[in-house]
Amino acid sequence: MGSLVTLGLFAGAWHTTRAPGAAAGTTGKSAAGKDEEEFLAARFLEDTDYNPRGFGTHIVLGGGPLAVAPGPGRFAAKPIPVQRLTLKNVRRARGSDPVDGRWDVAELDDAGTPVRLAAEPADLARILRELALAKTSVNTVNPGP
């Protein structure tokens, strides 16, 4: 009986906390024209405040701020501080990078700290485009001194 109650509470909590339209593979715009979330397999290769202990396996595009998530879904997702990131270089993964050799690696500057973001080439291009758009919109809304 206790197991059934626990399972029911877990299912209710999961249903309550998941974002609407947060199924893996959702893309584009909904019928109402609202952005839906898309989860792309990608990894920051260094530990950061938004990717502690390398927990993130996906980048969330759409439906809110760009975020690092431990899987498809916004549960436990951490927003990426786009205003701190500057793209330095994009290259193929090397043997020393702990990712699939078919992936590309973006070398970024995170307010003076080098970080690397790896993903499939097409996915990495989309992520970098979204980072640039998000950074532009942050700078437009909050222009610096």
N, C-alpha and C. Protein backbone atom coordinates (compact mmCIF):
# COMPACT_ATOMS: atom_id res chain seq x y z
N MET A 1 0.82 -1.18 0.00
CA MET A 1 0.00 0.00 0.00
C MET A 1 0.87 1.26 0.00
N GLY A 2 1.91 1.26 0.84
CA GLY A 2 2.81 2.41 0.92
C GLY A 2 3.51 2.68 -0.41
N SER A 3 3.88 1.62 -1.12
CA SER A 3 4.54 1.78 -2.42
C SER A 3 3.61 2.42 -3.44
N LEU A 4 2.34 2.03 -3.42
CA LEU A 4 1.37 2.60 -4.35
C LEU A 4 1.15 4.09 -4.06
N VAL A 5 1.08 4.44 -2.79
CA VAL A 5 0.90 5.85 -2.43
C VAL A 5 2.11 6.66 -2.88
N THR A 6 3.31 6.12 -2.63
CA THR A 6 4.54 6.80 -3.04
C THR A 6 4.57 6.98 -4.56
N LEU A 7 4.24 5.93 -5.29
CA LEU A 7 4.21 6.01 -6.74
C LEU A 7 3.20 7.04 -7.22
N GLY A 8 2.03 7.09 -6.61
CA GLY A 8 1.02 8.08 -6.98
C GLY A 8 1.48 9.50 -6.70
N LEU A 9 2.12 9.72 -5.55
CA LEU A 9 2.65 11.05 -5.23
C LEU A 9 3.75 11.45 -6.20
N PHE A 10 4.63 10.52 -6.54
CA PHE A 10 5.70 10.81 -7.49
C PHE A 10 5.13 11.18 -8.85
N ALA A 11 4.15 10.42 -9.34
CA ALA A 11 3.54 10.71 -10.64
C ALA A 11 2.86 12.08 -10.63
N GLY A 12 2.18 12.40 -9.54
CA GLY A 12 1.53 13.71 -9.44
C GLY A 12 2.55 14.84 -9.43
N ALA A 13 3.64 14.66 -8.69
CA ALA A 13 4.69 15.70 -8.65
C ALA A 13 5.34 15.86 -10.00
N TRP A 14 5.62 14.77 -10.69
CA TRP A 14 6.23 14.84 -12.01
C TRP A 14 5.32 15.59 -12.97
N HIS A 15 4.04 15.25 -12.95
CA HIS A 15 3.09 15.89 -13.86
C HIS A 15 2.97 17.39 -13.56
N THR A 16 3.01 17.75 -12.29
CA THR A 16 2.88 19.16 -11.89
C THR A 16 4.12 19.97 -12.26
N THR A 17 5.31 19.39 -12.12
CA THR A 17 6.54 20.16 -12.31
C THR A 17 7.05 20.18 -13.73
N ARG A 18 6.59 19.30 -14.59
CA ARG A 18 7.11 19.33 -15.95
C ARG A 18 6.48 20.49 -16.70
N ALA A 19 7.29 21.06 -17.60
CA ALA A 19 6.82 22.21 -18.38
C ALA A 19 5.85 21.75 -19.46
N PRO A 20 4.85 22.56 -19.80
CA PRO A 20 3.93 22.19 -20.87
C PRO A 20 4.69 22.02 -22.18
N GLY A 21 4.38 20.98 -22.92
CA GLY A 21 5.03 20.73 -24.21
C GLY A 21 6.48 20.32 -24.06
N ALA A 22 6.86 19.76 -22.93
CA ALA A 22 8.26 19.45 -22.68
C ALA A 22 8.65 18.05 -23.11
N ALA A 23 7.95 17.46 -24.01
CA ALA A 23 8.32 16.13 -24.50
C ALA A 23 9.55 16.24 -25.37
N ALA A 24 10.41 15.24 -25.31
CA ALA A 24 11.62 15.25 -26.13
C ALA A 24 11.23 15.29 -27.60
N GLY A 25 11.96 16.09 -28.35
CA GLY A 25 11.73 16.14 -29.78
C GLY A 25 10.70 17.15 -30.21
N THR A 26 10.13 17.93 -29.27
CA THR A 26 9.22 18.96 -29.72
C THR A 26 10.02 20.08 -30.33
N THR A 27 9.52 20.63 -31.40
CA THR A 27 10.27 21.66 -32.10
C THR A 27 9.35 22.76 -32.59
N GLY A 28 9.96 23.86 -32.93
CA GLY A 28 9.26 24.92 -33.63
C GLY A 28 8.25 25.65 -32.78
N LYS A 29 7.16 26.03 -33.43
CA LYS A 29 6.13 26.83 -32.78
C LYS A 29 4.86 26.01 -32.67
N SER A 30 4.11 26.27 -31.62
CA SER A 30 2.83 25.60 -31.45
C SER A 30 1.79 26.28 -32.35
N ALA A 31 0.60 25.73 -32.36
CA ALA A 31 -0.46 26.30 -33.20
C ALA A 31 -0.79 27.72 -32.75
N ALA A 32 -0.61 28.00 -31.47
CA ALA A 32 -0.89 29.35 -30.95
C ALA A 32 0.26 30.31 -31.24
N GLY A 33 1.34 29.82 -31.85
CA GLY A 33 2.48 30.67 -32.17
C GLY A 33 3.47 30.82 -31.02
N LYS A 34 3.28 30.08 -29.96
CA LYS A 34 4.15 30.15 -28.80
C LYS A 34 5.33 29.19 -28.98
N ASP A 35 6.52 29.63 -28.58
CA ASP A 35 7.70 28.77 -28.71
C ASP A 35 7.54 27.51 -27.87
N GLU A 36 7.89 26.39 -28.46
CA GLU A 36 7.94 25.13 -27.73
C GLU A 36 9.38 24.81 -27.44
N GLU A 37 9.60 23.96 -26.47
CA GLU A 37 10.95 23.58 -26.08
C GLU A 37 11.50 22.49 -26.98
N GLU A 38 12.80 22.55 -27.17
CA GLU A 38 13.52 21.50 -27.89
C GLU A 38 14.76 21.18 -27.08
N PHE A 39 15.05 19.90 -26.95
CA PHE A 39 16.17 19.45 -26.14
C PHE A 39 17.21 18.82 -27.06
N LEU A 40 18.36 19.47 -27.16
CA LEU A 40 19.44 18.99 -28.02
C LEU A 40 20.53 18.36 -27.17
N ALA A 41 20.99 17.18 -27.59
CA ALA A 41 22.08 16.53 -26.87
C ALA A 41 23.34 17.38 -27.03
N ALA A 42 23.85 17.85 -25.91
CA ALA A 42 25.05 18.70 -25.91
C ALA A 42 25.60 18.70 -24.49
N ARG A 43 26.90 18.93 -24.37
CA ARG A 43 27.53 18.92 -23.04
C ARG A 43 28.54 20.03 -22.89
N PHE A 44 28.49 20.73 -21.75
CA PHE A 44 29.59 21.59 -21.36
C PHE A 44 30.64 20.66 -20.78
N LEU A 45 31.88 20.76 -21.23
CA LEU A 45 32.92 19.82 -20.82
C LEU A 45 33.61 20.22 -19.51
N GLU A 46 33.37 21.43 -19.05
CA GLU A 46 33.93 21.87 -17.78
C GLU A 46 32.80 22.06 -16.77
N ASP A 47 33.15 21.92 -15.50
CA ASP A 47 32.19 22.20 -14.43
C ASP A 47 32.05 23.72 -14.30
N THR A 48 30.81 24.18 -14.24
CA THR A 48 30.52 25.60 -14.08
C THR A 48 29.39 25.72 -13.06
N ASP A 49 29.03 26.95 -12.72
CA ASP A 49 27.91 27.13 -11.80
C ASP A 49 26.58 26.70 -12.43
N TYR A 50 26.48 26.72 -13.74
CA TYR A 50 25.27 26.27 -14.43
C TYR A 50 25.38 24.83 -14.93
N ASN A 51 26.51 24.20 -14.72
CA ASN A 51 26.72 22.80 -15.08
C ASN A 51 27.60 22.13 -14.02
N PRO A 52 27.12 22.09 -12.77
CA PRO A 52 27.95 21.53 -11.70
C PRO A 52 28.20 20.03 -11.90
N ARG A 53 29.42 19.64 -11.69
CA ARG A 53 29.83 18.23 -11.79
C ARG A 53 29.43 17.61 -13.12
N GLY A 54 29.35 18.42 -14.18
CA GLY A 54 29.04 17.91 -15.51
C GLY A 54 27.68 17.24 -15.63
N PHE A 55 26.68 17.73 -14.89
CA PHE A 55 25.39 17.05 -14.86
C PHE A 55 24.60 17.19 -16.15
N GLY A 56 24.85 18.24 -16.95
CA GLY A 56 24.02 18.52 -18.11
C GLY A 56 24.34 17.66 -19.32
N THR A 57 23.32 17.09 -19.92
CA THR A 57 23.48 16.30 -21.14
C THR A 57 22.71 16.89 -22.30
N HIS A 58 21.90 17.93 -22.03
CA HIS A 58 21.08 18.55 -23.05
C HIS A 58 21.05 20.06 -22.86
N ILE A 59 20.85 20.77 -23.98
CA ILE A 59 20.61 22.21 -23.95
C ILE A 59 19.17 22.41 -24.36
N VAL A 60 18.45 23.24 -23.61
CA VAL A 60 17.04 23.51 -23.87
C VAL A 60 16.93 24.79 -24.69
N LEU A 61 16.29 24.69 -25.85
CA LEU A 61 16.01 25.85 -26.70
C LEU A 61 14.51 26.08 -26.69
N GLY A 62 14.10 27.35 -26.61
CA GLY A 62 12.69 27.70 -26.67
C GLY A 62 11.98 27.51 -25.35
N GLY A 63 10.82 28.12 -25.23
CA GLY A 63 10.00 27.96 -24.04
C GLY A 63 10.54 28.64 -22.80
N GLY A 64 11.50 29.53 -22.95
CA GLY A 64 12.10 30.20 -21.81
C GLY A 64 13.57 30.43 -22.06
N PRO A 65 14.30 30.76 -21.00
CA PRO A 65 15.73 31.02 -21.20
C PRO A 65 16.49 29.74 -21.59
N LEU A 66 17.59 29.91 -22.31
CA LEU A 66 18.43 28.77 -22.63
C LEU A 66 18.90 28.16 -21.33
N ALA A 67 18.94 26.83 -21.30
CA ALA A 67 19.28 26.16 -20.05
C ALA A 67 20.02 24.85 -20.33
N VAL A 68 20.75 24.40 -19.31
CA VAL A 68 21.41 23.10 -19.31
C VAL A 68 20.52 22.17 -18.51
N ALA A 69 20.22 20.99 -19.04
CA ALA A 69 19.35 20.04 -18.35
C ALA A 69 20.01 18.66 -18.32
N PRO A 70 19.70 17.87 -17.29
CA PRO A 70 20.27 16.53 -17.20
C PRO A 70 19.58 15.52 -18.10
N GLY A 71 18.64 15.95 -18.90
CA GLY A 71 17.94 15.08 -19.83
C GLY A 71 16.81 15.86 -20.46
N PRO A 72 16.03 15.23 -21.32
CA PRO A 72 14.89 15.94 -21.93
C PRO A 72 13.87 16.31 -20.86
N GLY A 73 13.66 17.57 -20.64
CA GLY A 73 12.74 18.08 -19.63
C GLY A 73 13.41 19.20 -18.84
N ARG A 74 12.63 20.17 -18.40
CA ARG A 74 13.19 21.31 -17.66
C ARG A 74 13.39 21.00 -16.18
N PHE A 75 13.03 19.80 -15.72
CA PHE A 75 13.25 19.45 -14.33
C PHE A 75 14.74 19.54 -14.02
N ALA A 76 15.11 20.33 -13.03
CA ALA A 76 16.49 20.54 -12.59
C ALA A 76 17.33 21.31 -13.61
N ALA A 77 16.72 21.92 -14.61
CA ALA A 77 17.47 22.69 -15.60
C ALA A 77 18.04 23.95 -14.96
N LYS A 78 19.23 24.34 -15.40
CA LYS A 78 19.88 25.55 -14.90
C LYS A 78 20.05 26.53 -16.06
N PRO A 79 19.62 27.77 -15.89
CA PRO A 79 19.75 28.76 -16.97
C PRO A 79 21.21 29.03 -17.30
N ILE A 80 21.47 29.22 -18.58
CA ILE A 80 22.82 29.54 -19.05
C ILE A 80 22.97 31.06 -19.01
N PRO A 81 24.01 31.57 -18.34
CA PRO A 81 24.21 33.02 -18.29
C PRO A 81 24.78 33.54 -19.61
N VAL A 82 23.93 33.71 -20.60
CA VAL A 82 24.37 34.05 -21.95
C VAL A 82 25.17 35.35 -22.00
N GLN A 83 24.88 36.29 -21.12
CA GLN A 83 25.59 37.57 -21.14
C GLN A 83 27.07 37.42 -20.79
N ARG A 84 27.44 36.33 -20.12
CA ARG A 84 28.85 36.11 -19.76
C ARG A 84 29.64 35.37 -20.83
N LEU A 85 28.97 34.74 -21.79
CA LEU A 85 29.64 33.86 -22.75
C LEU A 85 30.02 34.59 -24.03
N THR A 86 31.25 34.33 -24.49
CA THR A 86 31.74 34.86 -25.75
C THR A 86 32.36 33.72 -26.54
N LEU A 87 31.95 33.55 -27.78
CA LEU A 87 32.48 32.49 -28.64
C LEU A 87 33.89 32.85 -29.09
N LYS A 88 34.82 31.90 -28.93
CA LYS A 88 36.20 32.09 -29.36
C LYS A 88 36.52 31.29 -30.62
N ASN A 89 36.06 30.02 -30.65
CA ASN A 89 36.44 29.13 -31.75
C ASN A 89 35.49 27.94 -31.80
N VAL A 90 35.32 27.37 -32.99
CA VAL A 90 34.59 26.12 -33.16
C VAL A 90 35.51 25.16 -33.90
N ARG A 91 35.61 23.93 -33.41
CA ARG A 91 36.52 22.94 -34.01
C ARG A 91 35.92 21.55 -33.87
N ARG A 92 36.51 20.59 -34.58
CA ARG A 92 36.12 19.19 -34.42
C ARG A 92 36.65 18.69 -33.08
N ALA A 93 35.97 17.70 -32.52
CA ALA A 93 36.43 17.10 -31.27
C ALA A 93 37.77 16.40 -31.50
N ARG A 94 38.64 16.52 -30.53
CA ARG A 94 39.95 15.85 -30.56
C ARG A 94 39.91 14.63 -29.67
N GLY A 95 40.96 13.84 -29.75
CA GLY A 95 41.07 12.65 -28.89
C GLY A 95 41.05 12.98 -27.41
N SER A 96 41.51 14.18 -27.03
CA SER A 96 41.55 14.57 -25.62
C SER A 96 40.19 15.06 -25.11
N ASP A 97 39.24 15.31 -26.02
CA ASP A 97 37.90 15.73 -25.61
C ASP A 97 37.08 14.50 -25.26
N PRO A 98 36.38 14.52 -24.12
CA PRO A 98 35.62 13.33 -23.69
C PRO A 98 34.25 13.21 -24.36
N VAL A 99 34.22 13.35 -25.69
CA VAL A 99 32.97 13.26 -26.44
C VAL A 99 33.21 12.47 -27.73
N ASP A 100 32.12 12.15 -28.40
CA ASP A 100 32.17 11.45 -29.69
C ASP A 100 32.99 12.26 -30.68
N GLY A 101 33.87 11.62 -31.42
CA GLY A 101 34.73 12.30 -32.38
C GLY A 101 33.99 12.97 -33.52
N ARG A 102 32.71 12.62 -33.72
CA ARG A 102 31.91 13.26 -34.78
C ARG A 102 31.34 14.60 -34.32
N TRP A 103 31.42 14.88 -33.03
CA TRP A 103 30.88 16.14 -32.51
C TRP A 103 31.84 17.28 -32.77
N ASP A 104 31.31 18.50 -32.76
CA ASP A 104 32.11 19.71 -32.80
C ASP A 104 32.19 20.28 -31.39
N VAL A 105 33.21 21.08 -31.15
CA VAL A 105 33.42 21.70 -29.84
C VAL A 105 33.52 23.21 -30.03
N ALA A 106 32.71 23.94 -29.29
CA ALA A 106 32.79 25.40 -29.27
C ALA A 106 33.61 25.80 -28.06
N GLU A 107 34.65 26.58 -28.31
CA GLU A 107 35.46 27.10 -27.21
C GLU A 107 34.91 28.47 -26.87
N LEU A 108 34.46 28.61 -25.63
CA LEU A 108 33.81 29.83 -25.17
C LEU A 108 34.62 30.46 -24.03
N ASP A 109 34.43 31.75 -23.86
CA ASP A 109 35.00 32.47 -22.73
C ASP A 109 33.84 32.82 -21.81
N ASP A 110 33.87 32.32 -20.58
CA ASP A 110 32.82 32.57 -19.60
C ASP A 110 33.37 33.57 -18.59
N ALA A 111 33.29 34.86 -18.92
CA ALA A 111 33.78 35.95 -18.05
C ALA A 111 35.22 35.69 -17.62
N GLY A 112 36.07 35.30 -18.57
CA GLY A 112 37.48 35.08 -18.29
C GLY A 112 37.88 33.64 -18.06
N THR A 113 36.93 32.74 -17.96
CA THR A 113 37.20 31.32 -17.75
C THR A 113 36.87 30.56 -19.04
N PRO A 114 37.84 29.80 -19.58
CA PRO A 114 37.53 29.04 -20.80
C PRO A 114 36.62 27.84 -20.50
N VAL A 115 35.59 27.67 -21.31
CA VAL A 115 34.70 26.51 -21.23
C VAL A 115 34.48 25.98 -22.64
N ARG A 116 34.19 24.70 -22.73
CA ARG A 116 33.92 24.07 -24.02
C ARG A 116 32.52 23.49 -24.01
N LEU A 117 31.83 23.64 -25.14
CA LEU A 117 30.50 23.10 -25.34
C LEU A 117 30.57 22.18 -26.55
N ALA A 118 30.13 20.94 -26.40
CA ALA A 118 30.22 19.96 -27.48
C ALA A 118 28.83 19.45 -27.87
N ALA A 119 28.64 19.24 -29.18
CA ALA A 119 27.38 18.71 -29.71
C ALA A 119 27.60 18.29 -31.15
N GLU A 120 26.60 17.61 -31.73
CA GLU A 120 26.62 17.31 -33.16
C GLU A 120 26.78 18.63 -33.91
N PRO A 121 27.47 18.65 -35.04
CA PRO A 121 27.71 19.91 -35.75
C PRO A 121 26.47 20.76 -36.02
N ALA A 122 25.40 20.16 -36.51
CA ALA A 122 24.18 20.93 -36.80
C ALA A 122 23.55 21.46 -35.52
N ASP A 123 23.54 20.63 -34.48
CA ASP A 123 22.97 21.06 -33.20
C ASP A 123 23.81 22.17 -32.57
N LEU A 124 25.12 22.05 -32.65
CA LEU A 124 25.99 23.08 -32.08
C LEU A 124 25.78 24.41 -32.79
N ALA A 125 25.61 24.38 -34.10
CA ALA A 125 25.36 25.61 -34.85
C ALA A 125 24.06 26.26 -34.38
N ARG A 126 23.02 25.47 -34.16
CA ARG A 126 21.74 26.01 -33.68
C ARG A 126 21.88 26.59 -32.28
N ILE A 127 22.61 25.88 -31.41
CA ILE A 127 22.80 26.36 -30.03
C ILE A 127 23.56 27.68 -30.04
N LEU A 128 24.62 27.76 -30.82
CA LEU A 128 25.42 28.99 -30.87
C LEU A 128 24.60 30.15 -31.44
N ARG A 129 23.74 29.87 -32.42
CA ARG A 129 22.88 30.90 -32.98
C ARG A 129 21.91 31.40 -31.90
N GLU A 130 21.34 30.48 -31.12
CA GLU A 130 20.41 30.86 -30.04
C GLU A 130 21.14 31.62 -28.93
N LEU A 131 22.37 31.22 -28.63
CA LEU A 131 23.16 31.95 -27.63
C LEU A 131 23.39 33.39 -28.08
N ALA A 132 23.75 33.55 -29.35
CA ALA A 132 24.00 34.89 -29.88
C ALA A 132 22.72 35.73 -29.86
N LEU A 133 21.59 35.14 -30.24
CA LEU A 133 20.31 35.87 -30.21
C LEU A 133 19.92 36.25 -28.78
N ALA A 134 20.12 35.31 -27.86
CA ALA A 134 19.78 35.58 -26.46
C ALA A 134 20.69 36.66 -25.88
N LYS A 135 21.96 36.62 -26.24
CA LYS A 135 22.91 37.62 -25.74
C LYS A 135 22.54 39.00 -26.29
N THR A 136 22.16 39.07 -27.56
CA THR A 136 21.74 40.33 -28.16
C THR A 136 20.51 40.88 -27.48
N SER A 137 19.53 40.02 -27.19
CA SER A 137 18.31 40.50 -26.55
C SER A 137 18.57 40.92 -25.11
N VAL A 138 19.47 40.26 -24.40
CA VAL A 138 19.83 40.67 -23.04
C VAL A 138 20.51 42.03 -23.07
N ASN A 139 21.43 42.23 -24.01
CA ASN A 139 22.14 43.52 -24.12
C ASN A 139 21.20 44.64 -24.57
N THR A 140 20.18 44.32 -25.36
CA THR A 140 19.23 45.33 -25.81
C THR A 140 18.33 45.77 -24.67
N VAL A 141 17.89 44.80 -23.85
CA VAL A 141 17.02 45.08 -22.73
C VAL A 141 17.79 45.79 -21.61
N ASN A 142 19.01 45.33 -21.32
CA ASN A 142 19.83 45.90 -20.26
C ASN A 142 21.15 46.42 -20.80
N PRO A 143 21.14 47.55 -21.51
CA PRO A 143 22.41 48.05 -22.04
C PRO A 143 23.34 48.41 -20.89
N GLY A 144 24.60 48.12 -21.10
CA GLY A 144 25.62 48.40 -20.06
C GLY A 144 25.86 49.88 -19.91
N PRO A 145 26.70 50.25 -18.93
CA PRO A 145 26.99 51.67 -18.70
C PRO A 145 27.74 52.30 -19.83
